[in-house]
Amino acid sequence: MTTQEIKVPEIGDFKNVPVIEVLVKPGDRIAPEQALVTLESDKATMDIPSPAAGTVVAVALKPGDRVSEGSVILTLET
């Protein structure tokens, strides 16, 4: 098993987007495409999906944090 950091993917021209909900916690088993966090831009809310299956080791975000493309969401053991 290996660990990898899951980061915010390309989300358009948005920067410093607020995290409104964290949908997973350490110990959760997640599937590919499962929503990890919900972000709120000026125009819409968006769920950020997991690119891989695995177990959440640590979550780097909490509601109220602001993120941009490349910000670490969590560490995943695959």
PDB file of N, CA and C in Angstrom:
ATOM      1  N   MET A   1       0.836  -1.185   0.000  1.00  0.00           N
ATOM      2  CA  MET A   1       0.000   0.000   0.000  1.00  0.00           C
ATOM      3  C   MET A   1       0.878   1.244   0.000  1.00  0.00           C
ATOM      4  N   THR A   2       0.420   2.234  -0.718  1.00  0.00           N
ATOM      5  CA  THR A   2       1.150   3.496  -0.777  1.00  0.00           C
ATOM      6  C   THR A   2       0.203   4.629  -0.391  1.00  0.00           C
ATOM      7  N   THR A   3       0.788   5.758  -0.014  1.00  0.00           N
ATOM      8  CA  THR A   3      -0.035   6.922   0.280  1.00  0.00           C
ATOM      9  C   THR A   3       0.201   7.973  -0.785  1.00  0.00           C
ATOM     10  N   GLN A   4      -0.842   8.751  -1.043  1.00  0.00           N
ATOM     11  CA  GLN A   4      -0.708   9.842  -1.994  1.00  0.00           C
ATOM     12  C   GLN A   4      -1.538  11.019  -1.508  1.00  0.00           C
ATOM     13  N   GLU A   5      -1.055  12.211  -1.837  1.00  0.00           N
ATOM     14  CA  GLU A   5      -1.805  13.411  -1.521  1.00  0.00           C
ATOM     15  C   GLU A   5      -2.812  13.649  -2.635  1.00  0.00           C
ATOM     16  N   ILE A   6      -4.059  13.875  -2.254  1.00  0.00           N
ATOM     17  CA  ILE A   6      -5.095  14.223  -3.217  1.00  0.00           C
ATOM     18  C   ILE A   6      -5.232  15.737  -3.172  1.00  0.00           C
ATOM     19  N   LYS A   7      -5.124  16.376  -4.337  1.00  0.00           N
ATOM     20  CA  LYS A   7      -5.130  17.836  -4.410  1.00  0.00           C
ATOM     21  C   LYS A   7      -6.337  18.338  -5.193  1.00  0.00           C
ATOM     22  N   VAL A   8      -6.641  19.608  -5.003  1.00  0.00           N
ATOM     23  CA  VAL A   8      -7.720  20.238  -5.751  1.00  0.00           C
ATOM     24  C   VAL A   8      -7.316  20.252  -7.229  1.00  0.00           C
ATOM     25  N   PRO A   9      -8.152  19.693  -8.101  1.00  0.00           N
ATOM     26  CA  PRO A   9      -7.824  19.686  -9.531  1.00  0.00           C
ATOM     27  C   PRO A   9      -8.040  21.069 -10.144  1.00  0.00           C
ATOM     28  N   GLU A  10      -7.857  21.173 -11.429  1.00  0.00           N
ATOM     29  CA  GLU A  10      -8.108  22.415 -12.154  1.00  0.00           C
ATOM     30  C   GLU A  10      -9.588  22.769 -11.982  1.00  0.00           C
ATOM     31  N   ILE A  11      -9.866  23.964 -11.482  1.00  0.00           N
ATOM     32  CA  ILE A  11     -11.251  24.390 -11.222  1.00  0.00           C
ATOM     33  C   ILE A  11     -11.568  25.695 -11.942  1.00  0.00           C
ATOM     34  N   GLY A  12     -10.938  25.906 -13.076  1.00  0.00           N
ATOM     35  CA  GLY A  12     -11.193  27.133 -13.828  1.00  0.00           C
ATOM     36  C   GLY A  12     -10.337  28.271 -13.304  1.00  0.00           C
ATOM     37  N   ASP A  13     -10.852  29.479 -13.422  1.00  0.00           N
ATOM     38  CA  ASP A  13     -10.093  30.662 -13.028  1.00  0.00           C
ATOM     39  C   ASP A  13     -10.295  31.031 -11.564  1.00  0.00           C
ATOM     40  N   PHE A  14     -10.833  30.107 -10.777  1.00  0.00           N
ATOM     41  CA  PHE A  14     -11.148  30.409  -9.385  1.00  0.00           C
ATOM     42  C   PHE A  14      -9.930  30.221  -8.492  1.00  0.00           C
ATOM     43  N   LYS A  15      -9.752  31.161  -7.554  1.00  0.00           N
ATOM     44  CA  LYS A  15      -8.691  31.069  -6.549  1.00  0.00           C
ATOM     45  C   LYS A  15      -9.302  31.438  -5.202  1.00  0.00           C
ATOM     46  N   ASN A  16      -8.735  30.888  -4.136  1.00  0.00           N
ATOM     47  CA  ASN A  16      -9.226  31.168  -2.780  1.00  0.00           C
ATOM     48  C   ASN A  16     -10.720  30.886  -2.647  1.00  0.00           C
ATOM     49  N   VAL A  17     -11.117  29.718  -3.129  1.00  0.00           N
ATOM     50  CA  VAL A  17     -12.521  29.297  -3.084  1.00  0.00           C
ATOM     51  C   VAL A  17     -12.799  28.695  -1.709  1.00  0.00           C
ATOM     52  N   PRO A  18     -13.894  29.093  -1.045  1.00  0.00           N
ATOM     53  CA  PRO A  18     -14.174  28.553   0.287  1.00  0.00           C
ATOM     54  C   PRO A  18     -14.649  27.106   0.260  1.00  0.00           C
ATOM     55  N   VAL A  19     -14.177  26.340   1.248  1.00  0.00           N
ATOM     56  CA  VAL A  19     -14.652  24.979   1.482  1.00  0.00           C
ATOM     57  C   VAL A  19     -15.922  25.105   2.319  1.00  0.00           C
ATOM     58  N   ILE A  20     -17.053  24.585   1.813  1.00  0.00           N
ATOM     59  CA  ILE A  20     -18.270  24.691   2.610  1.00  0.00           C
ATOM     60  C   ILE A  20     -18.614  23.385   3.323  1.00  0.00           C
ATOM     61  N   GLU A  21     -18.053  22.271   2.839  1.00  0.00           N
ATOM     62  CA  GLU A  21     -18.322  21.000   3.509  1.00  0.00           C
ATOM     63  C   GLU A  21     -17.205  20.006   3.216  1.00  0.00           C
ATOM     64  N   VAL A  22     -16.779  19.265   4.243  1.00  0.00           N
ATOM     65  CA  VAL A  22     -15.834  18.158   4.085  1.00  0.00           C
ATOM     66  C   VAL A  22     -16.653  16.887   4.248  1.00  0.00           C
ATOM     67  N   LEU A  23     -16.641  16.036   3.227  1.00  0.00           N
ATOM     68  CA  LEU A  23     -17.543  14.887   3.162  1.00  0.00           C
ATOM     69  C   LEU A  23     -16.937  13.571   3.624  1.00  0.00           C
ATOM     70  N   VAL A  24     -15.644  13.572   3.965  1.00  0.00           N
ATOM     71  CA  VAL A  24     -14.971  12.348   4.418  1.00  0.00           C
ATOM     72  C   VAL A  24     -14.168  12.650   5.680  1.00  0.00           C
ATOM     73  N   LYS A  25     -13.774  11.588   6.388  1.00  0.00           N
ATOM     74  CA  LYS A  25     -12.955  11.741   7.597  1.00  0.00           C
ATOM     75  C   LYS A  25     -11.911  10.627   7.616  1.00  0.00           C
ATOM     76  N   PRO A  26     -10.869  10.771   8.414  1.00  0.00           N
ATOM     77  CA  PRO A  26      -9.847   9.719   8.493  1.00  0.00           C
ATOM     78  C   PRO A  26     -10.486   8.372   8.834  1.00  0.00           C
ATOM     79  N   GLY A  27     -10.020   7.340   8.130  1.00  0.00           N
ATOM     80  CA  GLY A  27     -10.544   5.992   8.332  1.00  0.00           C
ATOM     81  C   GLY A  27     -11.609   5.596   7.323  1.00  0.00           C
ATOM     82  N   ASP A  28     -12.208   6.586   6.634  1.00  0.00           N
ATOM     83  CA  ASP A  28     -13.228   6.279   5.628  1.00  0.00           C
ATOM     84  C   ASP A  28     -12.602   5.573   4.430  1.00  0.00           C
ATOM     85  N   ARG A  29     -13.308   4.558   3.918  1.00  0.00           N
ATOM     86  CA  ARG A  29     -12.918   3.933   2.655  1.00  0.00           C
ATOM     87  C   ARG A  29     -13.695   4.648   1.559  1.00  0.00           C
ATOM     88  N   ILE A  30     -12.983   5.088   0.525  1.00  0.00           N
ATOM     89  CA  ILE A  30     -13.645   5.826  -0.542  1.00  0.00           C
ATOM     90  C   ILE A  30     -13.436   5.151  -1.889  1.00  0.00           C
ATOM     91  N   ALA A  31     -14.357   5.433  -2.790  1.00  0.00           N
ATOM     92  CA  ALA A  31     -14.332   4.874  -4.139  1.00  0.00           C
ATOM     93  C   ALA A  31     -13.926   5.975  -5.129  1.00  0.00           C
ATOM     94  N   PRO A  32     -13.445   5.573  -6.307  1.00  0.00           N
ATOM     95  CA  PRO A  32     -13.148   6.578  -7.330  1.00  0.00           C
ATOM     96  C   PRO A  32     -14.415   7.388  -7.638  1.00  0.00           C
ATOM     97  N   GLU A  33     -14.238   8.678  -7.838  1.00  0.00           N
ATOM     98  CA  GLU A  33     -15.322   9.614  -8.165  1.00  0.00           C
ATOM     99  C   GLU A  33     -16.215   9.953  -6.977  1.00  0.00           C
ATOM    100  N   GLN A  34     -15.944   9.404  -5.794  1.00  0.00           N
ATOM    101  CA  GLN A  34     -16.719   9.779  -4.606  1.00  0.00           C
ATOM    102  C   GLN A  34     -16.364  11.214  -4.223  1.00  0.00           C
ATOM    103  N   ALA A  35     -17.367  12.017  -3.871  1.00  0.00           N
ATOM    104  CA  ALA A  35     -17.136  13.411  -3.502  1.00  0.00           C
ATOM    105  C   ALA A  35     -16.354  13.495  -2.189  1.00  0.00           C
ATOM    106  N   LEU A  36     -15.347  14.369  -2.172  1.00  0.00           N
ATOM    107  CA  LEU A  36     -14.492  14.543  -0.991  1.00  0.00           C
ATOM    108  C   LEU A  36     -14.830  15.817  -0.227  1.00  0.00           C
ATOM    109  N   VAL A  37     -14.958  16.919  -0.956  1.00  0.00           N
ATOM    110  CA  VAL A  37     -15.284  18.212  -0.362  1.00  0.00           C
ATOM    111  C   VAL A  37     -16.213  18.968  -1.302  1.00  0.00           C
ATOM    112  N   THR A  38     -16.939  19.922  -0.746  1.00  0.00           N
ATOM    113  CA  THR A  38     -17.781  20.809  -1.553  1.00  0.00           C
ATOM    114  C   THR A  38     -17.209  22.214  -1.457  1.00  0.00           C
ATOM    115  N   LEU A  39     -16.984  22.822  -2.628  1.00  0.00           N
ATOM    116  CA  LEU A  39     -16.459  24.180  -2.710  1.00  0.00           C
ATOM    117  C   LEU A  39     -17.557  25.091  -3.234  1.00  0.00           C
ATOM    118  N   GLU A  40     -17.461  26.382  -2.904  1.00  0.00           N
ATOM    119  CA  GLU A  40     -18.470  27.329  -3.373  1.00  0.00           C
ATOM    120  C   GLU A  40     -17.783  28.493  -4.070  1.00  0.00           C
ATOM    121  N   SER A  41     -17.990  28.582  -5.389  1.00  0.00           N
ATOM    122  CA  SER A  41     -17.447  29.707  -6.149  1.00  0.00           C
ATOM    123  C   SER A  41     -18.516  30.795  -6.212  1.00  0.00           C
ATOM    124  N   ASP A  42     -18.216  31.875  -6.915  1.00  0.00           N
ATOM    125  CA  ASP A  42     -19.189  32.955  -7.076  1.00  0.00           C
ATOM    126  C   ASP A  42     -20.446  32.476  -7.795  1.00  0.00           C
ATOM    127  N   LYS A  43     -20.280  31.473  -8.660  1.00  0.00           N
ATOM    128  CA  LYS A  43     -21.374  31.067  -9.536  1.00  0.00           C
ATOM    129  C   LYS A  43     -22.057  29.766  -9.146  1.00  0.00           C
ATOM    130  N   ALA A  44     -21.385  28.895  -8.411  1.00  0.00           N
ATOM    131  CA  ALA A  44     -21.978  27.583  -8.138  1.00  0.00           C
ATOM    132  C   ALA A  44     -21.225  26.866  -7.026  1.00  0.00           C
ATOM    133  N   THR A  45     -21.838  25.794  -6.525  1.00  0.00           N
ATOM    134  CA  THR A  45     -21.115  24.895  -5.628  1.00  0.00           C
ATOM    135  C   THR A  45     -20.611  23.735  -6.465  1.00  0.00           C
ATOM    136  N   MET A  46     -19.496  23.162  -6.066  1.00  0.00           N
ATOM    137  CA  MET A  46     -18.944  22.024  -6.811  1.00  0.00           C
ATOM    138  C   MET A  46     -18.354  21.017  -5.847  1.00  0.00           C
ATOM    139  N   ASP A  47     -18.640  19.743  -6.109  1.00  0.00           N
ATOM    140  CA  ASP A  47     -18.033  18.661  -5.342  1.00  0.00           C
ATOM    141  C   ASP A  47     -16.745  18.260  -6.043  1.00  0.00           C
ATOM    142  N   ILE A  48     -15.701  18.030  -5.262  1.00  0.00           N
ATOM    143  CA  ILE A  48     -14.422  17.566  -5.806  1.00  0.00           C
ATOM    144  C   ILE A  48     -14.365  16.056  -5.596  1.00  0.00           C
ATOM    145  N   PRO A  49     -14.280  15.274  -6.688  1.00  0.00           N
ATOM    146  CA  PRO A  49     -14.277  13.818  -6.569  1.00  0.00           C
ATOM    147  C   PRO A  49     -12.887  13.242  -6.326  1.00  0.00           C
ATOM    148  N   SER A  50     -12.862  12.043  -5.776  1.00  0.00           N
ATOM    149  CA  SER A  50     -11.600  11.336  -5.568  1.00  0.00           C
ATOM    150  C   SER A  50     -11.130  10.737  -6.888  1.00  0.00           C
ATOM    151  N   PRO A  51      -9.844  10.847  -7.197  1.00  0.00           N
ATOM    152  CA  PRO A  51      -9.320  10.231  -8.416  1.00  0.00           C
ATOM    153  C   PRO A  51      -9.018   8.740  -8.236  1.00  0.00           C
ATOM    154  N   ALA A  52      -9.085   8.237  -6.998  1.00  0.00           N
ATOM    155  CA  ALA A  52      -8.707   6.846  -6.739  1.00  0.00           C
ATOM    156  C   ALA A  52      -9.473   6.297  -5.541  1.00  0.00           C
ATOM    157  N   ALA A  53      -9.445   4.972  -5.416  1.00  0.00           N
ATOM    158  CA  ALA A  53     -10.043   4.307  -4.259  1.00  0.00           C
ATOM    159  C   ALA A  53      -8.984   4.151  -3.177  1.00  0.00           C
ATOM    160  N   GLY A  54      -9.437   4.064  -1.933  1.00  0.00           N
ATOM    161  CA  GLY A  54      -8.500   3.840  -0.846  1.00  0.00           C
ATOM    162  C   GLY A  54      -9.099   4.215   0.490  1.00  0.00           C
ATOM    163  N   THR A  55      -8.220   4.364   1.475  1.00  0.00           N
ATOM    164  CA  THR A  55      -8.633   4.726   2.830  1.00  0.00           C
ATOM    165  C   THR A  55      -8.049   6.086   3.174  1.00  0.00           C
ATOM    166  N   VAL A  56      -8.880   6.970   3.701  1.00  0.00           N
ATOM    167  CA  VAL A  56      -8.438   8.314   4.079  1.00  0.00           C
ATOM    168  C   VAL A  56      -7.534   8.207   5.310  1.00  0.00           C
ATOM    169  N   VAL A  57      -6.309   8.719   5.186  1.00  0.00           N
ATOM    170  CA  VAL A  57      -5.353   8.724   6.293  1.00  0.00           C
ATOM    171  C   VAL A  57      -5.499  10.015   7.094  1.00  0.00           C
ATOM    172  N   ALA A  58      -5.546  11.143   6.405  1.00  0.00           N
ATOM    173  CA  ALA A  58      -5.654  12.444   7.070  1.00  0.00           C
ATOM    174  C   ALA A  58      -6.356  13.426   6.141  1.00  0.00           C
ATOM    175  N   VAL A  59      -7.154  14.305   6.718  1.00  0.00           N
ATOM    176  CA  VAL A  59      -7.838  15.352   5.959  1.00  0.00           C
ATOM    177  C   VAL A  59      -7.151  16.674   6.265  1.00  0.00           C
ATOM    178  N   ALA A  60      -6.790  17.423   5.209  1.00  0.00           N
ATOM    179  CA  ALA A  60      -6.027  18.659   5.382  1.00  0.00           C
ATOM    180  C   ALA A  60      -6.916  19.900   5.441  1.00  0.00           C
ATOM    181  N   LEU A  61      -8.215  19.758   5.157  1.00  0.00           N
ATOM    182  CA  LEU A  61      -9.107  20.912   5.084  1.00  0.00           C
ATOM    183  C   LEU A  61     -10.215  20.831   6.117  1.00  0.00           C
ATOM    184  N   LYS A  62     -10.784  21.990   6.406  1.00  0.00           N
ATOM    185  CA  LYS A  62     -11.986  22.059   7.248  1.00  0.00           C
ATOM    186  C   LYS A  62     -12.902  23.115   6.642  1.00  0.00           C
ATOM    187  N   PRO A  63     -14.186  23.056   6.961  1.00  0.00           N
ATOM    188  CA  PRO A  63     -15.087  24.084   6.441  1.00  0.00           C
ATOM    189  C   PRO A  63     -14.573  25.485   6.811  1.00  0.00           C
ATOM    190  N   GLY A  64     -14.654  26.385   5.845  1.00  0.00           N
ATOM    191  CA  GLY A  64     -14.169  27.748   6.054  1.00  0.00           C
ATOM    192  C   GLY A  64     -12.790  27.991   5.468  1.00  0.00           C
ATOM    193  N   ASP A  65     -12.000  26.921   5.259  1.00  0.00           N
ATOM    194  CA  ASP A  65     -10.702  27.081   4.609  1.00  0.00           C
ATOM    195  C   ASP A  65     -10.917  27.561   3.177  1.00  0.00           C
ATOM    196  N   ARG A  66      -9.900  28.185   2.610  1.00  0.00           N
ATOM    197  CA  ARG A  66      -9.962  28.623   1.213  1.00  0.00           C
ATOM    198  C   ARG A  66      -8.888  27.867   0.431  1.00  0.00           C
ATOM    199  N   VAL A  67      -9.270  27.400  -0.756  1.00  0.00           N
ATOM    200  CA  VAL A  67      -8.362  26.587  -1.558  1.00  0.00           C
ATOM    201  C   VAL A  67      -8.280  27.114  -2.987  1.00  0.00           C
ATOM    202  N   SER A  68      -7.230  26.706  -3.665  1.00  0.00           N
ATOM    203  CA  SER A  68      -7.023  26.977  -5.081  1.00  0.00           C
ATOM    204  C   SER A  68      -6.548  25.675  -5.716  1.00  0.00           C
ATOM    205  N   GLU A  69      -6.423  25.683  -7.024  1.00  0.00           N
ATOM    206  CA  GLU A  69      -5.900  24.505  -7.717  1.00  0.00           C
ATOM    207  C   GLU A  69      -4.565  24.101  -7.098  1.00  0.00           C
ATOM    208  N   GLY A  70      -4.409  22.802  -6.776  1.00  0.00           N
ATOM    209  CA  GLY A  70      -3.165  22.303  -6.208  1.00  0.00           C
ATOM    210  C   GLY A  70      -3.150  22.223  -4.689  1.00  0.00           C
ATOM    211  N   SER A  71      -4.147  22.798  -4.023  1.00  0.00           N
ATOM    212  CA  SER A  71      -4.217  22.706  -2.562  1.00  0.00           C
ATOM    213  C   SER A  71      -4.468  21.251  -2.163  1.00  0.00           C
ATOM    214  N   VAL A  72      -3.803  20.790  -1.103  1.00  0.00           N
ATOM    215  CA  VAL A  72      -3.971  19.412  -0.644  1.00  0.00           C
ATOM    216  C   VAL A  72      -5.326  19.271   0.063  1.00  0.00           C
ATOM    217  N   ILE A  73      -6.093  18.252  -0.342  1.00  0.00           N
ATOM    218  CA  ILE A  73      -7.374  17.953   0.294  1.00  0.00           C
ATOM    219  C   ILE A  73      -7.171  16.934   1.403  1.00  0.00           C
ATOM    220  N   LEU A  74      -6.488  15.826   1.056  1.00  0.00           N
ATOM    221  CA  LEU A  74      -6.303  14.748   2.027  1.00  0.00           C
ATOM    222  C   LEU A  74      -5.166  13.844   1.600  1.00  0.00           C
ATOM    223  N   THR A  75      -4.787  12.952   2.504  1.00  0.00           N
ATOM    224  CA  THR A  75      -3.828  11.900   2.205  1.00  0.00           C
ATOM    225  C   THR A  75      -4.604  10.594   2.121  1.00  0.00           C
ATOM    226  N   LEU A  76      -4.371   9.843   1.052  1.00  0.00           N
ATOM    227  CA  LEU A  76      -5.106   8.601   0.786  1.00  0.00           C
ATOM    228  C   LEU A  76      -4.142   7.436   0.714  1.00  0.00           C
ATOM    229  N   GLU A  77      -4.489   6.340   1.406  1.00  0.00           N
ATOM    230  CA  GLU A  77      -3.722   5.102   1.307  1.00  0.00           C
ATOM    231  C   GLU A  77      -4.404   4.247   0.265  1.00  0.00           C
ATOM    232  N   THR A  78      -3.654   3.893  -0.788  1.00  0.00           N
ATOM    233  CA  THR A  78      -4.240   3.120  -1.895  1.00  0.00           C
ATOM    234  C   THR A  78      -3.727   1.712  -1.911  1.00  0.00           C
TER     235      THR A  78
END
